[in-house]
Amino acid sequence: MNFPVPISTDELLSKAQNEKLYSKLIDQINKDFNLANEPIDFPQSTTPHELKVQLHEKIYRLIQYKFAEYLNLLYIIDVPEETVKQLDGSDLVELSEQVAFLILKREWMKVWFRNRY
């Protein structure tokens, strides 16, 4: 079975909810951010919209003020460097939104595979 690649943050979060894996996705995000020494604590009650907005804000702040920590986070989560390099960095808000999606996609992949195999 192939991994179903989501094309947007909303689609990804919807799939996570439909497959009853949303809480595991939140756990995985919390775990990896803590491993990168960038503590984030999304409670299980976090709605998909809140998760999307707060993750975007966190990435934006990391890029703006703590770039080395941002790079470390991407490494810990295992976001492909080539994919990040292909993004247009001219608009920081847009960039942070795209990176937040890449992070969610990678975290979703971990959760999905762990649940399947």
Protein backbone atom coordinates (compact mmCIF):
# COMPACT_ATOMS: atom_id res chain seq x y z
CA MET A 1 0.00 0.00 0.00
CA ASN A 2 1.41 3.38 -1.01
CA PHE A 3 1.45 6.38 1.26
CA PRO A 4 -1.37 8.78 0.23
CA VAL A 5 0.41 12.09 -0.28
CA PRO A 6 -1.79 14.98 0.84
CA ILE A 7 -1.76 18.11 -1.32
CA SER A 8 -2.70 20.61 1.39
CA THR A 9 -2.61 21.08 5.14
CA ASP A 10 -6.40 20.92 5.35
CA GLU A 11 -6.50 17.65 3.41
CA LEU A 12 -3.77 16.16 5.61
CA LEU A 13 -5.52 17.11 8.85
CA SER A 14 -8.82 15.82 7.48
CA LYS A 15 -7.22 12.46 6.60
CA ALA A 16 -5.67 12.25 10.05
CA GLN A 17 -9.08 12.78 11.63
CA ASN A 18 -10.87 10.38 9.28
CA GLU A 19 -8.33 7.63 10.00
CA LYS A 20 -8.57 8.31 13.76
CA LEU A 21 -4.86 9.22 13.87
CA TYR A 22 -5.15 12.93 14.65
CA SER A 23 -4.21 12.48 18.32
CA LYS A 24 -1.16 10.43 17.31
CA LEU A 25 -0.17 13.19 14.88
CA ILE A 26 -0.32 15.74 17.71
CA ASP A 27 1.77 13.41 19.91
CA GLN A 28 4.38 13.02 17.16
CA ILE A 29 4.63 16.78 16.60
CA ASN A 30 5.00 17.44 20.34
CA LYS A 31 7.63 14.69 20.62
CA ASP A 32 9.78 15.89 17.72
CA PHE A 33 9.64 19.55 18.72
CA ASN A 34 10.74 18.57 22.23
CA LEU A 35 13.57 16.46 20.80
CA ALA A 36 14.72 19.57 18.92
CA ASN A 37 14.63 21.60 22.17
CA GLU A 38 11.83 23.75 20.80
CA PRO A 39 9.10 22.74 23.23
CA ILE A 40 5.61 22.98 21.88
CA ASP A 41 2.67 21.47 23.67
CA PHE A 42 -0.43 21.00 21.59
CA PRO A 43 -3.10 19.56 23.87
CA GLN A 44 -5.22 16.73 22.47
CA SER A 45 -8.13 19.18 22.39
CA THR A 46 -6.36 21.30 19.74
CA THR A 47 -8.57 21.65 16.68
CA PRO A 48 -7.07 21.13 13.21
CA HIS A 49 -7.46 24.84 12.47
CA GLU A 50 -5.69 25.81 15.72
CA LEU A 51 -2.91 23.32 14.98
CA LYS A 52 -2.43 24.74 11.49
CA VAL A 53 -2.33 28.37 12.69
CA GLN A 54 -0.15 27.78 15.77
CA LEU A 55 2.34 25.60 13.90
CA HIS A 56 2.60 28.25 11.17
CA GLU A 57 3.24 30.95 13.81
CA LYS A 58 5.87 28.81 15.55
CA ILE A 59 7.75 28.18 12.28
CA TYR A 60 7.52 31.86 11.37
CA ARG A 61 9.08 32.87 14.72
CA LEU A 62 11.80 30.24 14.40
CA ILE A 63 12.79 31.40 10.92
CA GLN A 64 12.72 35.04 11.98
CA TYR A 65 14.46 34.85 15.36
CA LYS A 66 16.06 31.42 15.86
CA PHE A 67 17.28 30.24 12.47
CA ALA A 68 19.81 27.69 13.77
CA GLU A 69 17.12 26.09 15.93
CA TYR A 70 14.77 26.08 12.92
CA LEU A 71 17.36 24.16 10.86
CA ASN A 72 17.89 21.73 13.73
CA LEU A 73 14.14 21.15 13.95
CA LEU A 74 13.95 20.34 10.23
CA TYR A 75 16.83 17.90 10.70
CA ILE A 76 15.21 16.20 13.73
CA ILE A 77 11.86 15.87 11.96
CA ASP A 78 13.65 14.72 8.80
CA VAL A 79 12.18 17.19 6.34
CA PRO A 80 14.09 16.72 3.05
CA GLU A 81 16.61 19.55 2.62
CA GLU A 82 16.14 19.62 -1.17
CA THR A 83 12.39 20.18 -0.76
CA VAL A 84 12.98 23.14 1.56
CA LYS A 85 15.58 24.63 -0.81
CA GLN A 86 13.04 24.59 -3.65
CA LEU A 87 10.67 26.88 -1.77
CA ASP A 88 10.50 30.57 -2.60
CA GLY A 89 11.90 32.44 0.40
CA SER A 90 10.96 35.93 -0.73
CA ASP A 91 7.84 36.08 1.46
CA LEU A 92 8.51 34.90 5.01
CA VAL A 93 4.84 34.37 5.84
CA GLU A 94 4.35 32.22 2.74
CA LEU A 95 7.60 30.34 3.37
CA SER A 96 6.72 29.53 6.97
CA GLU A 97 3.30 28.27 5.87
CA GLN A 98 4.89 25.98 3.27
CA VAL A 99 7.47 24.70 5.76
CA ALA A 100 4.71 24.05 8.32
CA PHE A 101 2.98 21.91 5.68
CA LEU A 102 6.22 20.02 4.97
CA ILE A 103 6.62 19.36 8.69
CA LEU A 104 3.03 18.17 9.00
CA LYS A 105 3.45 15.97 5.93
CA ARG A 106 6.57 14.31 7.35
CA GLU A 107 5.00 13.84 10.77
CA TRP A 108 1.87 12.41 9.15
CA MET A 109 4.02 9.99 7.16
CA LYS A 110 5.62 8.71 10.39
CA VAL A 111 2.25 8.25 12.09
CA TRP A 112 0.61 6.69 9.03
CA PHE A 113 3.39 4.13 8.47
CA ARG A 114 3.60 3.25 12.16
CA ASN A 115 -0.14 2.62 12.16
CA ARG A 116 -0.04 0.52 8.96
CA TYR A 117 3.03 -1.61 9.54
